[in-house]
Protein backbone atom coordinates (compact mmCIF):
# COMPACT_ATOMS: atom_id res chain seq x y z
CA MET A 1 30.49 -17.51 -8.89
CA VAL A 2 27.60 -17.36 -6.62
CA VAL A 3 23.94 -16.11 -8.15
CA GLN A 4 21.43 -14.68 -6.23
CA VAL A 5 18.22 -14.07 -7.41
CA GLY A 6 15.65 -11.36 -6.20
CA LEU A 7 11.99 -10.89 -7.30
CA ASP A 8 9.45 -8.40 -5.99
CA LEU A 9 5.67 -7.92 -6.77
CA VAL A 10 3.85 -4.63 -5.84
CA SER A 11 0.55 -2.87 -6.43
CA VAL A 12 0.32 0.12 -8.48
CA GLN A 13 -2.40 0.89 -6.38
CA ALA A 14 -0.29 0.63 -3.10
CA ILE A 15 1.95 3.08 -4.30
CA GLU A 16 -0.94 5.62 -5.08
CA ASP A 17 -2.68 5.03 -1.90
CA ALA A 18 0.86 5.67 -0.23
CA LEU A 19 0.93 9.03 -2.28
CA LYS A 20 -2.26 10.04 -1.38
CA ALA A 21 -1.72 9.55 2.23
CA SER A 22 -1.40 12.43 4.45
CA HIS A 23 2.30 12.15 4.51
CA GLY A 24 2.48 11.41 0.82
CA GLN A 25 5.36 13.76 0.10
CA GLN A 26 7.45 12.61 2.85
CA TYR A 27 6.74 9.06 1.66
CA LEU A 28 7.68 9.97 -1.84
CA GLU A 29 11.04 11.73 -0.54
CA ARG A 30 11.96 8.62 1.74
CA VAL A 31 11.74 6.04 -0.82
CA TYR A 32 12.71 7.72 -4.29
CA THR A 33 15.83 9.37 -5.26
CA PRO A 34 15.28 12.97 -7.03
CA LEU A 35 16.47 11.14 -10.14
CA GLU A 36 14.05 8.64 -9.74
CA ILE A 37 11.13 10.83 -9.23
CA GLN A 38 12.46 13.12 -11.99
CA GLU A 39 12.07 10.10 -14.53
CA CYS A 40 8.72 9.51 -13.21
CA THR A 41 7.40 12.57 -13.80
CA THR A 42 5.38 13.71 -16.96
CA GLN A 43 3.48 16.40 -18.44
CA GLN A 44 0.55 14.60 -16.44
CA GLY A 45 2.12 14.48 -13.31
CA LEU A 46 3.73 11.60 -11.42
CA ASP A 47 3.65 8.14 -13.36
CA VAL A 48 2.72 5.63 -10.57
CA ARG A 49 3.31 2.55 -12.42
CA ARG A 50 6.84 3.51 -13.01
CA LEU A 51 7.15 4.83 -9.13
CA ALA A 52 5.83 1.21 -8.42
CA GLU A 53 8.79 -0.33 -10.87
CA CYS A 54 11.21 1.40 -8.96
CA PHE A 55 9.82 0.11 -5.61
CA ALA A 56 10.14 -3.19 -6.95
CA ALA A 57 13.29 -3.05 -7.85
CA LYS A 58 14.41 -1.64 -4.57
CA GLU A 59 12.64 -4.68 -2.81
CA ALA A 60 14.35 -7.43 -5.38
CA THR A 61 17.70 -5.48 -4.32
CA ILE A 62 17.36 -5.68 -0.53
CA LYS A 63 16.28 -9.81 -1.07
CA ILE A 64 19.84 -10.39 -2.58
CA LEU A 65 21.74 -8.59 -0.28
CA LEU A 66 20.93 -10.96 2.75
CA THR A 67 20.87 -8.87 5.34
CA GLU A 68 19.13 -8.17 8.50
CA GLU A 69 19.98 -4.43 8.64
CA GLY A 70 17.64 -2.03 7.49
CA ILE A 71 18.55 -0.76 3.92
CA SER A 72 17.83 3.02 3.35
CA PHE A 73 15.70 3.07 -0.09
CA GLN A 74 17.79 5.83 -1.26
CA GLY A 75 20.69 3.77 -1.53
CA ILE A 76 18.87 1.91 -4.50
CA GLU A 77 18.48 3.73 -7.51
CA LEU A 78 16.64 2.44 -10.79
CA ARG A 79 17.95 4.32 -13.62
CA ARG A 80 16.26 4.31 -17.24
CA GLU A 81 18.72 4.69 -20.06
CA ALA A 82 17.66 6.69 -23.08
CA THR A 83 17.51 3.38 -25.06
CA GLY A 84 14.59 2.32 -22.64
CA HIS A 85 16.74 0.04 -20.29
CA VAL A 86 17.08 0.14 -16.70
CA ARG A 87 19.94 -0.53 -14.75
CA LEU A 88 20.42 -0.06 -10.52
CA VAL A 89 23.01 2.12 -9.02
CA LEU A 90 24.25 1.44 -5.23
CA THR A 91 25.16 3.89 -2.94
CA GLY A 92 25.69 4.19 0.76
CA GLN A 93 25.17 1.44 2.90
CA ALA A 94 23.67 -0.94 0.14
CA GLU A 95 26.78 -0.55 -1.89
CA ALA A 96 29.17 -1.21 1.07
CA LEU A 97 27.08 -4.38 1.63
CA ALA A 98 27.15 -5.37 -2.01
CA ARG A 99 30.93 -4.97 -2.16
CA ALA A 100 31.33 -6.52 1.33
CA ALA A 101 29.54 -9.54 0.21
CA GLY A 102 31.87 -9.87 -2.87
CA MET A 103 28.93 -8.83 -5.72
CA VAL A 104 30.46 -8.15 -9.10
CA SER A 105 27.70 -7.68 -11.36
CA LEU A 106 24.10 -6.69 -11.02
CA ALA A 107 20.99 -6.84 -13.47
CA LEU A 108 18.06 -5.84 -13.94
CA SER A 109 14.51 -6.28 -15.65
CA VAL A 110 11.28 -4.37 -14.48
CA ALA A 111 7.78 -5.09 -15.91
CA GLN A 112 4.26 -3.60 -15.46
CA GLY A 113 0.80 -4.90 -16.43
CA ALA A 114 -2.46 -5.40 -15.12
CA GLY A 115 -2.09 -2.74 -12.31
CA LEU A 116 1.15 -4.81 -10.88
CA ALA A 117 4.84 -4.17 -11.12
CA THR A 118 7.55 -6.43 -10.95
CA ALA A 119 11.16 -6.46 -10.76
CA ILE A 120 13.91 -9.18 -10.99
CA VAL A 121 17.45 -8.56 -10.02
CA VAL A 122 20.14 -10.67 -10.66
CA ALA A 123 23.59 -10.93 -8.79
CA ASP A 124 26.97 -12.39 -9.44
CA PHE A 125 28.94 -12.94 -6.23
CA GLN A 126 32.74 -13.63 -6.03
CA PRO A 127 33.15 -16.30 -3.27
CA SER A 128 35.74 -15.26 -0.41
CA SER A 129 38.91 -16.81 -1.32
CA THR A 130 39.43 -17.88 2.14
CA SER A 131 39.06 -21.42 3.44
CA VAL A 132 38.94 -23.22 6.66
CA ASP A 133 41.35 -26.33 7.05
């Protein structure tokens, strides 16, 4: 097995600023999936801290895919379980890249505090069985 680790740290204020910009709704719909938006919405409105966690998770995941290609944020989704645990679901191009690279497992941890959100993603890859003689 080959292990790849991706880590990202994001300012909650930067996410809030992006949402307040003139194209805030477009930003929200371009970066976050409908499920992420739903899970980050409370009675008080959007929980920007949770959105920052999602963003950090997406960036950390992109780092482990080791590609020069642009990956849609929509293909990387953070899901919150009833237990409070989080997990990642890859779809579309992100899933195809992970599969082509031999990814066999993916783990995620997120945290927030002091105006920052962080995510660490750990993935196991099965190396290709082809060898060069």
